[in-house]
Amino acid sequence: MLLGITILITFAFFAVLMYLNKIPAILSLPIMAVLIGVFAGISPRDIASLVVADGAVRLHVAIVTVLFGSILSQFVSRSGIAETLIKKVAELSGENPFVVSLVMTAIVALLFTVLGGLGSVIMVATIVLPIMLSMGVPRIIVGSLFLLGLSLGGIFNLTNWQLGATYDFGMVKLWGLYSNDTVGQSVAHKELNGNG
């Protein structure tokens, strides 16, 4: 119980630091992984080999995919492809708010199959939302349609697929279930060494 609370407090602390931009996620996540291992009673040798070394290796495909996905996203953002696409589609959609809303939602979904990150969301929203609002579409519907398009595109985003495909959900260990007694330590030790 105490271990679970300690892990939650650690997570909440670093989540607040990331939210306040005091520490970037690229630093806080490895620090959290190491601290959670320390709190769970894992030996420093096992933390270094299993958490730090093996953790990075297990995510190598996702890391490379995120890098290339980010490069593609920046290319689409900086080259003006997204802005041009949105504006041309808005011009060709006509004066019917329903048609414009439907097409804009489809375009947002299409864009977010390659775009990702908060900057892209802000960029696309600053173009799409005013177009839909100027057509007389109510704000709640505009926001809902934008989020729908964002979510639909995110489903097919290569980066999101690769992260889910790389993570082996069968290997998740709930260290909070192991107590600090000798039985819990021996079970954890057997599983870490592949004997469990």
N, C-alpha and C. Protein backbone atom coordinates (compact mmCIF):
# COMPACT_ATOMS: atom_id res chain seq x y z
N MET A 1 0.82 -1.19 0.00
CA MET A 1 0.00 0.00 0.00
C MET A 1 0.87 1.26 0.00
N LEU A 2 1.86 1.26 0.88
CA LEU A 2 2.76 2.41 0.97
C LEU A 2 3.57 2.57 -0.32
N LEU A 3 3.96 1.43 -0.91
CA LEU A 3 4.71 1.48 -2.16
C LEU A 3 3.87 2.11 -3.27
N GLY A 4 2.63 1.70 -3.38
CA GLY A 4 1.74 2.26 -4.40
C GLY A 4 1.53 3.75 -4.22
N ILE A 5 1.36 4.18 -2.99
CA ILE A 5 1.18 5.62 -2.72
C ILE A 5 2.46 6.39 -3.05
N THR A 6 3.61 5.82 -2.71
CA THR A 6 4.89 6.46 -3.03
C THR A 6 5.07 6.61 -4.53
N ILE A 7 4.72 5.58 -5.29
CA ILE A 7 4.84 5.64 -6.74
C ILE A 7 3.89 6.68 -7.31
N LEU A 8 2.66 6.75 -6.80
CA LEU A 8 1.70 7.75 -7.26
C LEU A 8 2.17 9.17 -6.95
N ILE A 9 2.74 9.36 -5.78
CA ILE A 9 3.25 10.69 -5.41
C ILE A 9 4.42 11.07 -6.33
N THR A 10 5.30 10.12 -6.60
CA THR A 10 6.42 10.38 -7.51
C THR A 10 5.91 10.77 -8.89
N PHE A 11 4.95 10.01 -9.39
CA PHE A 11 4.38 10.30 -10.70
C PHE A 11 3.73 11.68 -10.72
N ALA A 12 2.93 11.97 -9.70
CA ALA A 12 2.24 13.27 -9.64
C ALA A 12 3.24 14.41 -9.55
N PHE A 13 4.30 14.24 -8.79
CA PHE A 13 5.32 15.28 -8.65
C PHE A 13 5.96 15.60 -10.00
N PHE A 14 6.37 14.56 -10.73
CA PHE A 14 7.01 14.80 -12.02
C PHE A 14 6.01 15.26 -13.07
N ALA A 15 4.76 14.82 -12.97
CA ALA A 15 3.74 15.30 -13.90
C ALA A 15 3.52 16.80 -13.72
N VAL A 16 3.51 17.26 -12.47
CA VAL A 16 3.36 18.70 -12.21
C VAL A 16 4.58 19.47 -12.72
N LEU A 17 5.76 18.92 -12.52
CA LEU A 17 6.97 19.58 -13.03
C LEU A 17 6.95 19.68 -14.55
N MET A 18 6.48 18.62 -15.22
CA MET A 18 6.38 18.68 -16.68
C MET A 18 5.32 19.67 -17.11
N TYR A 19 4.20 19.70 -16.41
CA TYR A 19 3.12 20.63 -16.74
C TYR A 19 3.57 22.08 -16.59
N LEU A 20 4.36 22.35 -15.57
CA LEU A 20 4.85 23.72 -15.32
C LEU A 20 6.10 24.06 -16.14
N ASN A 21 6.51 23.16 -17.01
CA ASN A 21 7.70 23.34 -17.85
C ASN A 21 8.98 23.55 -17.05
N LYS A 22 9.05 22.93 -15.89
CA LYS A 22 10.26 23.00 -15.08
C LYS A 22 11.28 21.94 -15.49
N ILE A 23 10.78 20.83 -16.04
CA ILE A 23 11.64 19.75 -16.49
C ILE A 23 11.00 19.13 -17.72
N PRO A 24 11.79 18.83 -18.77
CA PRO A 24 11.20 18.23 -19.97
C PRO A 24 10.87 16.76 -19.74
N ALA A 25 9.95 16.25 -20.53
CA ALA A 25 9.53 14.85 -20.40
C ALA A 25 10.68 13.89 -20.68
N ILE A 26 11.58 14.29 -21.57
CA ILE A 26 12.69 13.40 -21.92
C ILE A 26 13.62 13.16 -20.72
N LEU A 27 13.62 14.06 -19.75
CA LEU A 27 14.40 13.84 -18.53
C LEU A 27 13.56 13.25 -17.40
N SER A 28 12.32 13.72 -17.28
CA SER A 28 11.51 13.29 -16.15
C SER A 28 11.09 11.83 -16.24
N LEU A 29 10.83 11.32 -17.42
CA LEU A 29 10.40 9.93 -17.53
C LEU A 29 11.49 8.93 -17.12
N PRO A 30 12.74 9.10 -17.58
CA PRO A 30 13.77 8.18 -17.07
C PRO A 30 14.02 8.33 -15.57
N ILE A 31 13.95 9.56 -15.07
CA ILE A 31 14.13 9.76 -13.63
C ILE A 31 13.02 9.05 -12.86
N MET A 32 11.79 9.18 -13.35
CA MET A 32 10.67 8.47 -12.70
C MET A 32 10.88 6.97 -12.73
N ALA A 33 11.34 6.43 -13.86
CA ALA A 33 11.55 4.98 -13.97
C ALA A 33 12.57 4.51 -12.95
N VAL A 34 13.65 5.26 -12.82
CA VAL A 34 14.70 4.87 -11.86
C VAL A 34 14.17 4.99 -10.43
N LEU A 35 13.49 6.09 -10.11
CA LEU A 35 12.97 6.28 -8.75
C LEU A 35 11.94 5.21 -8.39
N ILE A 36 11.08 4.87 -9.32
CA ILE A 36 10.08 3.83 -9.04
C ILE A 36 10.79 2.50 -8.79
N GLY A 37 11.85 2.21 -9.54
CA GLY A 37 12.63 1.00 -9.28
C GLY A 37 13.28 1.03 -7.91
N VAL A 38 13.80 2.19 -7.52
CA VAL A 38 14.41 2.33 -6.19
C VAL A 38 13.36 2.11 -5.11
N PHE A 39 12.21 2.74 -5.25
CA PHE A 39 11.15 2.61 -4.25
C PHE A 39 10.63 1.17 -4.17
N ALA A 40 10.67 0.45 -5.29
CA ALA A 40 10.19 -0.94 -5.31
C ALA A 40 11.21 -1.90 -4.72
N GLY A 41 12.40 -1.40 -4.41
CA GLY A 41 13.40 -2.25 -3.78
C GLY A 41 14.25 -3.04 -4.76
N ILE A 42 14.28 -2.63 -6.00
CA ILE A 42 15.11 -3.30 -6.99
C ILE A 42 16.56 -2.87 -6.78
N SER A 43 17.47 -3.80 -6.93
CA SER A 43 18.89 -3.49 -6.68
C SER A 43 19.41 -2.51 -7.73
N PRO A 44 20.41 -1.71 -7.36
CA PRO A 44 20.98 -0.75 -8.33
C PRO A 44 21.49 -1.42 -9.61
N ARG A 45 22.05 -2.63 -9.48
CA ARG A 45 22.52 -3.36 -10.66
C ARG A 45 21.36 -3.68 -11.59
N ASP A 46 20.25 -4.16 -11.03
CA ASP A 46 19.09 -4.49 -11.85
C ASP A 46 18.44 -3.24 -12.43
N ILE A 47 18.46 -2.15 -11.69
CA ILE A 47 17.92 -0.89 -12.22
C ILE A 47 18.74 -0.46 -13.43
N ALA A 48 20.07 -0.54 -13.29
CA ALA A 48 20.93 -0.11 -14.39
C ALA A 48 20.75 -1.00 -15.62
N SER A 49 20.66 -2.32 -15.39
CA SER A 49 20.58 -3.22 -16.54
C SER A 49 19.17 -3.35 -17.09
N LEU A 50 18.16 -3.50 -16.22
CA LEU A 50 16.81 -3.77 -16.70
C LEU A 50 16.01 -2.51 -17.00
N VAL A 51 16.07 -1.53 -16.11
CA VAL A 51 15.25 -0.33 -16.29
C VAL A 51 15.89 0.61 -17.31
N VAL A 52 17.15 0.93 -17.10
CA VAL A 52 17.80 1.92 -17.96
C VAL A 52 18.20 1.32 -19.31
N ALA A 53 19.01 0.26 -19.28
CA ALA A 53 19.54 -0.28 -20.54
C ALA A 53 18.46 -0.99 -21.36
N ASP A 54 17.76 -1.95 -20.76
CA ASP A 54 16.75 -2.69 -21.50
C ASP A 54 15.53 -1.84 -21.84
N GLY A 55 15.21 -0.88 -20.99
CA GLY A 55 14.07 -0.02 -21.28
C GLY A 55 14.25 0.78 -22.55
N ALA A 56 15.44 1.33 -22.74
CA ALA A 56 15.72 2.10 -23.96
C ALA A 56 15.76 1.20 -25.18
N VAL A 57 16.30 0.00 -25.03
CA VAL A 57 16.39 -0.92 -26.17
C VAL A 57 14.99 -1.40 -26.58
N ARG A 58 14.13 -1.64 -25.63
CA ARG A 58 12.78 -2.11 -25.97
C ARG A 58 11.96 -1.07 -26.71
N LEU A 59 12.29 0.19 -26.52
CA LEU A 59 11.55 1.25 -27.19
C LEU A 59 12.28 1.82 -28.40
N HIS A 60 13.31 1.15 -28.88
CA HIS A 60 14.10 1.72 -29.98
C HIS A 60 13.27 1.96 -31.23
N VAL A 61 12.37 1.05 -31.56
CA VAL A 61 11.55 1.23 -32.76
C VAL A 61 10.62 2.43 -32.59
N ALA A 62 10.01 2.54 -31.43
CA ALA A 62 9.12 3.67 -31.17
C ALA A 62 9.87 4.99 -31.18
N ILE A 63 11.09 5.00 -30.63
CA ILE A 63 11.88 6.23 -30.59
C ILE A 63 12.23 6.69 -32.00
N VAL A 64 12.67 5.77 -32.84
CA VAL A 64 13.00 6.12 -34.22
C VAL A 64 11.75 6.57 -34.97
N THR A 65 10.63 5.90 -34.75
CA THR A 65 9.39 6.29 -35.41
C THR A 65 8.95 7.68 -34.98
N VAL A 66 9.07 7.98 -33.71
CA VAL A 66 8.72 9.32 -33.22
C VAL A 66 9.62 10.37 -33.87
N LEU A 67 10.91 10.07 -33.99
CA LEU A 67 11.83 11.01 -34.63
C LEU A 67 11.42 11.29 -36.08
N PHE A 68 11.20 10.22 -36.86
CA PHE A 68 10.82 10.42 -38.25
C PHE A 68 9.42 11.01 -38.38
N GLY A 69 8.51 10.63 -37.49
CA GLY A 69 7.18 11.24 -37.49
C GLY A 69 7.24 12.72 -37.18
N SER A 70 8.13 13.10 -36.27
CA SER A 70 8.29 14.52 -35.93
C SER A 70 8.88 15.30 -37.10
N ILE A 71 9.82 14.68 -37.81
CA ILE A 71 10.39 15.35 -38.98
C ILE A 71 9.32 15.56 -40.03
N LEU A 72 8.50 14.55 -40.30
CA LEU A 72 7.41 14.68 -41.27
C LEU A 72 6.41 15.73 -40.82
N SER A 73 6.08 15.74 -39.55
CA SER A 73 5.14 16.72 -39.01
C SER A 73 5.68 18.14 -39.18
N GLN A 74 6.95 18.35 -38.89
CA GLN A 74 7.54 19.67 -39.06
C GLN A 74 7.59 20.08 -40.53
N PHE A 75 7.84 19.12 -41.41
CA PHE A 75 7.84 19.41 -42.84
C PHE A 75 6.47 19.87 -43.30
N VAL A 76 5.43 19.14 -42.89
CA VAL A 76 4.06 19.51 -43.27
C VAL A 76 3.69 20.85 -42.66
N SER A 77 4.10 21.12 -41.45
CA SER A 77 3.78 22.38 -40.78
C SER A 77 4.50 23.56 -41.43
N ARG A 78 5.80 23.43 -41.64
CA ARG A 78 6.61 24.56 -42.11
C ARG A 78 6.50 24.82 -43.61
N SER A 79 6.15 23.80 -44.37
CA SER A 79 6.07 23.99 -45.81
C SER A 79 4.77 24.65 -46.24
N GLY A 80 3.81 24.73 -45.34
CA GLY A 80 2.54 25.38 -45.66
C GLY A 80 1.52 24.44 -46.27
N ILE A 81 1.81 23.15 -46.30
CA ILE A 81 0.88 22.18 -46.87
C ILE A 81 -0.44 22.20 -46.12
N ALA A 82 -0.38 22.20 -44.78
CA ALA A 82 -1.60 22.14 -43.98
C ALA A 82 -2.46 23.39 -44.20
N GLU A 83 -1.84 24.57 -44.14
CA GLU A 83 -2.61 25.81 -44.30
C GLU A 83 -3.24 25.88 -45.68
N THR A 84 -2.48 25.56 -46.71
CA THR A 84 -2.98 25.61 -48.08
C THR A 84 -4.13 24.64 -48.27
N LEU A 85 -3.98 23.44 -47.77
CA LEU A 85 -5.03 22.43 -47.90
C LEU A 85 -6.32 22.88 -47.24
N ILE A 86 -6.21 23.41 -46.04
CA ILE A 86 -7.40 23.85 -45.31
C ILE A 86 -8.10 24.99 -46.03
N LYS A 87 -7.33 25.98 -46.45
CA LYS A 87 -7.93 27.15 -47.10
C LYS A 87 -8.56 26.80 -48.44
N LYS A 88 -7.91 25.97 -49.24
CA LYS A 88 -8.46 25.57 -50.54
C LYS A 88 -9.75 24.77 -50.37
N VAL A 89 -9.76 23.87 -49.41
CA VAL A 89 -10.96 23.07 -49.18
C VAL A 89 -12.10 23.95 -48.69
N ALA A 90 -11.79 24.93 -47.85
CA ALA A 90 -12.84 25.84 -47.37
C ALA A 90 -13.43 26.65 -48.52
N GLU A 91 -12.59 27.07 -49.45
CA GLU A 91 -13.08 27.82 -50.61
C GLU A 91 -13.95 26.95 -51.50
N LEU A 92 -13.57 25.70 -51.68
CA LEU A 92 -14.29 24.81 -52.59
C LEU A 92 -15.55 24.21 -51.96
N SER A 93 -15.69 24.30 -50.65
CA SER A 93 -16.84 23.68 -49.97
C SER A 93 -18.13 24.47 -50.15
N GLY A 94 -18.04 25.73 -50.45
CA GLY A 94 -19.24 26.53 -50.67
C GLY A 94 -19.71 27.22 -49.41
N GLU A 95 -21.00 27.54 -49.39
CA GLU A 95 -21.58 28.33 -48.31
C GLU A 95 -22.39 27.51 -47.31
N ASN A 96 -22.54 26.23 -47.54
CA ASN A 96 -23.35 25.38 -46.66
C ASN A 96 -22.53 25.01 -45.41
N PRO A 97 -22.96 25.47 -44.21
CA PRO A 97 -22.18 25.19 -42.98
C PRO A 97 -22.02 23.70 -42.71
N PHE A 98 -23.04 22.90 -43.03
CA PHE A 98 -22.95 21.47 -42.80
C PHE A 98 -21.84 20.85 -43.65
N VAL A 99 -21.80 21.20 -44.92
CA VAL A 99 -20.79 20.66 -45.82
C VAL A 99 -19.39 21.13 -45.41
N VAL A 100 -19.27 22.41 -45.09
CA VAL A 100 -17.97 22.94 -44.67
C VAL A 100 -17.50 22.24 -43.39
N SER A 101 -18.40 22.05 -42.44
CA SER A 101 -18.03 21.38 -41.18
C SER A 101 -17.61 19.94 -41.43
N LEU A 102 -18.34 19.26 -42.26
CA LEU A 102 -18.02 17.87 -42.57
C LEU A 102 -16.66 17.76 -43.27
N VAL A 103 -16.43 18.62 -44.24
CA VAL A 103 -15.16 18.59 -44.98
C VAL A 103 -14.00 19.01 -44.08
N MET A 104 -14.21 20.01 -43.26
CA MET A 104 -13.14 20.45 -42.35
C MET A 104 -12.77 19.35 -41.36
N THR A 105 -13.76 18.63 -40.86
CA THR A 105 -13.48 17.51 -39.95
C THR A 105 -12.67 16.44 -40.67
N ALA A 106 -13.03 16.16 -41.91
CA ALA A 106 -12.28 15.17 -42.69
C ALA A 106 -10.85 15.63 -42.94
N ILE A 107 -10.67 16.92 -43.23
CA ILE A 107 -9.32 17.46 -43.48
C ILE A 107 -8.48 17.42 -42.20
N VAL A 108 -9.09 17.76 -41.07
CA VAL A 108 -8.37 17.69 -39.79
C VAL A 108 -7.94 16.25 -39.54
N ALA A 109 -8.83 15.29 -39.78
CA ALA A 109 -8.49 13.88 -39.60
C ALA A 109 -7.36 13.48 -40.53
N LEU A 110 -7.41 13.92 -41.77
CA LEU A 110 -6.36 13.59 -42.73
C LEU A 110 -5.02 14.19 -42.30
N LEU A 111 -5.04 15.44 -41.85
CA LEU A 111 -3.79 16.08 -41.43
C LEU A 111 -3.16 15.39 -40.22
N PHE A 112 -3.99 14.96 -39.28
CA PHE A 112 -3.43 14.37 -38.06
C PHE A 112 -3.06 12.89 -38.22
N THR A 113 -3.16 12.38 -39.45
CA THR A 113 -2.55 11.08 -39.69
C THR A 113 -1.04 11.21 -39.79
N VAL A 114 -0.55 12.44 -40.07
CA VAL A 114 0.90 12.66 -40.12
C VAL A 114 1.37 13.69 -39.09
N LEU A 115 0.49 14.58 -38.68
CA LEU A 115 0.87 15.60 -37.70
C LEU A 115 0.74 15.05 -36.30
N GLY A 116 1.46 15.65 -35.38
CA GLY A 116 1.35 15.27 -33.99
C GLY A 116 1.96 16.35 -33.12
N GLY A 117 1.53 16.41 -31.90
CA GLY A 117 2.08 17.37 -30.96
C GLY A 117 1.19 18.60 -30.80
N LEU A 118 1.42 19.28 -29.71
CA LEU A 118 0.61 20.44 -29.36
C LEU A 118 0.75 21.57 -30.38
N GLY A 119 1.94 21.78 -30.90
CA GLY A 119 2.15 22.84 -31.88
C GLY A 119 1.30 22.64 -33.12
N SER A 120 1.21 21.41 -33.57
CA SER A 120 0.38 21.11 -34.75
C SER A 120 -1.10 21.30 -34.45
N VAL A 121 -1.51 20.91 -33.26
CA VAL A 121 -2.92 21.10 -32.88
C VAL A 121 -3.26 22.58 -32.89
N ILE A 122 -2.40 23.39 -32.32
CA ILE A 122 -2.64 24.84 -32.27
C ILE A 122 -2.64 25.42 -33.68
N MET A 123 -1.68 25.01 -34.51
CA MET A 123 -1.60 25.53 -35.86
C MET A 123 -2.87 25.23 -36.66
N VAL A 124 -3.30 23.99 -36.64
CA VAL A 124 -4.49 23.59 -37.40
C VAL A 124 -5.74 24.24 -36.81
N ALA A 125 -5.82 24.31 -35.49
CA ALA A 125 -7.00 24.90 -34.85
C ALA A 125 -7.14 26.38 -35.18
N THR A 126 -6.02 27.10 -35.25
CA THR A 126 -6.11 28.54 -35.53
C THR A 126 -6.58 28.80 -36.96
N ILE A 127 -6.51 27.80 -37.82
CA ILE A 127 -7.00 27.97 -39.18
C ILE A 127 -8.42 27.44 -39.32
N VAL A 128 -8.66 26.25 -38.81
CA VAL A 128 -9.96 25.58 -39.01
C VAL A 128 -11.06 26.21 -38.18
N LEU A 129 -10.81 26.48 -36.92
CA LEU A 129 -11.88 26.96 -36.04
C LEU A 129 -12.48 28.29 -36.51
N PRO A 130 -11.68 29.29 -36.88
CA PRO A 130 -12.30 30.53 -37.36
C PRO A 130 -13.12 30.35 -38.65
N ILE A 131 -12.67 29.45 -39.53
CA ILE A 131 -13.44 29.21 -40.76
C ILE A 131 -14.82 28.65 -40.42
N MET A 132 -14.85 27.68 -39.53
CA MET A 132 -16.13 27.06 -39.17
C MET A 132 -17.00 28.04 -38.39
N LEU A 133 -16.39 28.81 -37.49
CA LEU A 133 -17.17 29.78 -36.72
C LEU A 133 -17.74 30.87 -37.62
N SER A 134 -16.99 31.28 -38.64
CA SER A 134 -17.50 32.33 -39.54
C SER A 134 -18.66 31.84 -40.40
N MET A 135 -18.80 30.53 -40.51
CA MET A 135 -19.93 29.96 -41.26
C MET A 135 -21.19 29.89 -40.40
N GLY A 136 -21.08 30.25 -39.13
CA GLY A 136 -22.24 30.24 -38.25
C GLY A 136 -22.45 28.95 -37.49
N VAL A 137 -21.46 28.09 -37.49
CA VAL A 137 -21.56 26.84 -36.75
C VAL A 137 -21.36 27.14 -35.27
N PRO A 138 -22.24 26.63 -34.39
CA PRO A 138 -22.09 26.89 -32.95
C PRO A 138 -20.74 26.42 -32.40
N ARG A 139 -20.22 27.15 -31.40
CA ARG A 139 -18.89 26.87 -30.85
C ARG A 139 -18.76 25.45 -30.33
N ILE A 140 -19.77 24.94 -29.66
CA ILE A 140 -19.68 23.59 -29.09
C ILE A 140 -19.55 22.55 -30.19
N ILE A 141 -20.23 22.78 -31.29
CA ILE A 141 -20.13 21.84 -32.41
C ILE A 141 -18.78 21.96 -33.09
N VAL A 142 -18.28 23.19 -33.24
CA VAL A 142 -16.96 23.40 -33.84
C VAL A 142 -15.89 22.69 -33.02
N GLY A 143 -15.90 22.88 -31.72
CA GLY A 143 -14.92 22.22 -30.86
C GLY A 143 -15.03 20.71 -30.90
N SER A 144 -16.27 20.22 -30.89
CA SER A 144 -16.48 18.77 -30.92
C SER A 144 -16.01 18.17 -32.24
N LEU A 145 -16.31 18.84 -33.34
CA LEU A 145 -15.88 18.33 -34.65
C LEU A 145 -14.36 18.37 -34.79
N PHE A 146 -13.73 19.41 -34.25
CA PHE A 146 -12.27 19.48 -34.31
C PHE A 146 -11.66 18.33 -33.51
N LEU A 147 -12.17 18.09 -32.31
CA LEU A 147 -11.65 16.99 -31.50
C LEU A 147 -11.93 15.63 -32.14
N LEU A 148 -13.07 15.51 -32.81
CA LEU A 148 -13.38 14.27 -33.53
C LEU A 148 -12.37 14.03 -34.64
N GLY A 149 -12.10 15.09 -35.44
CA GLY A 149 -11.12 14.96 -36.51
C GLY A 149 -9.73 14.66 -35.98
N LEU A 150 -9.36 15.32 -34.90
CA LEU A 150 -8.06 15.09 -34.27
C LEU A 150 -7.94 13.63 -33.81
N SER A 151 -8.98 13.12 -33.19
CA SER A 151 -8.95 11.73 -32.70
C SER A 151 -8.97 10.73 -33.85
N LEU A 152 -9.76 10.99 -34.86
CA LEU A 152 -9.79 10.07 -36.01
C LEU A 152 -8.43 10.01 -36.70
N GLY A 153 -7.81 11.16 -36.90
CA GLY A 153 -6.48 11.16 -37.50
C GLY A 153 -5.45 10.49 -36.62
N GLY A 154 -5.56 10.71 -35.32
CA GLY A 154 -4.62 10.10 -34.38
C GLY A 154 -4.67 8.59 -34.38
N ILE A 155 -5.84 8.03 -34.69
CA ILE A 155 -5.97 6.57 -34.75
C ILE A 155 -5.04 6.00 -35.82
N PHE A 156 -4.92 6.72 -36.94
CA PHE A 156 -4.14 6.22 -38.06
C PHE A 156 -2.73 6.81 -38.12
N ASN A 157 -2.34 7.56 -37.10
CA ASN A 157 -1.02 8.17 -37.06
C ASN A 157 0.03 7.08 -36.83
N LEU A 158 1.03 7.04 -37.71
CA LEU A 158 2.05 5.99 -37.66
C LEU A 158 2.78 5.96 -36.33
N THR A 159 3.05 7.12 -35.78
CA THR A 159 3.77 7.18 -34.51
C THR A 159 2.97 6.52 -33.40
N ASN A 160 1.67 6.78 -33.36
CA ASN A 160 0.83 6.17 -32.32
C ASN A 160 0.76 4.65 -32.50
N TRP A 161 0.66 4.19 -33.72
CA TRP A 161 0.61 2.76 -33.98
C TRP A 161 1.92 2.09 -33.57
N GLN A 162 3.03 2.72 -33.88
CA GLN A 162 4.31 2.09 -33.61
C GLN A 162 4.58 1.99 -32.12
N LEU A 163 4.19 3.00 -31.35
CA LEU A 163 4.40 2.94 -29.91
C LEU A 163 3.61 1.79 -29.30
N GLY A 164 2.36 1.63 -29.73
CA GLY A 164 1.54 0.53 -29.23
C GLY A 164 2.04 -0.82 -29.68
N ALA A 165 2.59 -0.90 -30.88
CA ALA A 165 3.08 -2.17 -31.40
C ALA A 165 4.39 -2.58 -30.75
N THR A 166 5.18 -1.61 -30.30
CA THR A 166 6.48 -1.91 -29.72
C THR A 166 6.37 -2.35 -28.27
N TYR A 167 5.44 -1.77 -27.54
CA TYR A 167 5.34 -2.04 -26.11
C TYR A 167 4.76 -3.41 -25.88
N ASP A 168 5.45 -4.26 -25.17
CA ASP A 168 5.01 -5.62 -24.91
C ASP A 168 4.17 -5.63 -23.64
N PHE A 169 2.85 -5.60 -23.81
CA PHE A 169 1.96 -5.52 -22.67
C PHE A 169 1.98 -6.78 -21.81
N GLY A 170 2.44 -7.89 -22.37
CA GLY A 170 2.53 -9.11 -21.59
C GLY A 170 3.65 -9.09 -20.58
N MET A 171 4.61 -8.19 -20.72
CA MET A 171 5.76 -8.15 -19.83
C MET A 171 5.62 -7.14 -18.70
N VAL A 172 4.43 -6.54 -18.58
CA VAL A 172 4.23 -5.54 -17.53
C VAL A 172 4.27 -6.24 -16.17
N LYS A 173 5.09 -5.75 -15.30
CA LYS A 173 5.20 -6.30 -13.95
C LYS A 173 4.65 -5.29 -12.96
N LEU A 174 3.79 -5.74 -12.11
CA LEU A 174 3.22 -4.86 -11.10
C LEU A 174 4.05 -4.98 -9.83
N TRP A 175 5.08 -4.15 -9.75
CA TRP A 175 6.00 -4.25 -8.62
C TRP A 175 5.32 -3.88 -7.31
N GLY A 176 4.22 -3.16 -7.37
CA GLY A 176 3.50 -2.81 -6.16
C GLY A 176 2.90 -4.03 -5.47
N LEU A 177 2.76 -5.14 -6.21
CA LEU A 177 2.20 -6.35 -5.62
C LEU A 177 3.21 -7.10 -4.75
N TYR A 178 4.48 -6.82 -4.96
CA TYR A 178 5.51 -7.51 -4.21
C TYR A 178 5.79 -6.74 -2.93
N SER A 179 5.74 -7.46 -1.83
CA SER A 179 6.06 -6.81 -0.56
C SER A 179 7.56 -6.86 -0.35
N ASN A 180 8.00 -6.22 0.70
CA ASN A 180 9.43 -6.20 0.99
C ASN A 180 9.87 -7.38 1.85
N ASP A 181 9.01 -8.36 2.02
CA ASP A 181 9.43 -9.53 2.78
C ASP A 181 10.28 -10.44 1.89
N THR A 182 10.81 -11.51 2.46
CA THR A 182 11.73 -12.36 1.71
C THR A 182 11.01 -13.11 0.59
N VAL A 183 9.74 -13.46 0.78
CA VAL A 183 9.00 -14.16 -0.27
C VAL A 183 8.80 -13.24 -1.47
N GLY A 184 8.38 -12.00 -1.20
CA GLY A 184 8.17 -11.04 -2.29
C GLY A 184 9.45 -10.74 -3.03
N GLN A 185 10.57 -10.62 -2.28
CA GLN A 185 11.85 -10.34 -2.93
C GLN A 185 12.31 -11.52 -3.78
N SER A 186 12.09 -12.73 -3.30
CA SER A 186 12.53 -13.88 -4.08
C SER A 186 11.69 -14.05 -5.34
N VAL A 187 10.39 -13.76 -5.27
CA VAL A 187 9.55 -13.83 -6.46
C VAL A 187 9.98 -12.79 -7.46
N ALA A 188 10.21 -11.56 -7.00
CA ALA A 188 10.67 -10.49 -7.90
C ALA A 188 12.01 -10.86 -8.52
N HIS A 189 12.94 -11.43 -7.70
CA HIS A 189 14.26 -11.77 -8.20
C HIS A 189 14.15 -12.86 -9.27
N LYS A 190 13.29 -13.86 -9.05
CA LYS A 190 13.12 -14.94 -10.03
C LYS A 190 12.57 -14.38 -11.34
N GLU A 191 11.60 -13.47 -11.24
CA GLU A 191 11.03 -12.93 -12.48
C GLU A 191 12.01 -12.04 -13.21
N LEU A 192 12.83 -11.29 -12.48
CA LEU A 192 13.83 -10.45 -13.14
C LEU A 192 14.86 -11.29 -13.88
N ASN A 193 15.18 -12.44 -13.34
CA ASN A 193 16.19 -13.29 -13.95
C ASN A 193 15.59 -14.33 -14.90
N GLY A 194 14.28 -14.25 -15.16
CA GLY A 194 13.64 -15.15 -16.12
C GLY A 194 13.35 -16.52 -15.57
N ASN A 195 13.40 -16.71 -14.26
CA ASN A 195 13.12 -18.01 -13.67
C ASN A 195 11.71 -18.10 -13.11
N GLY A 196 10.92 -17.01 -13.23
CA GLY A 196 9.61 -16.99 -12.59
C GLY A 196 8.50 -17.40 -13.47
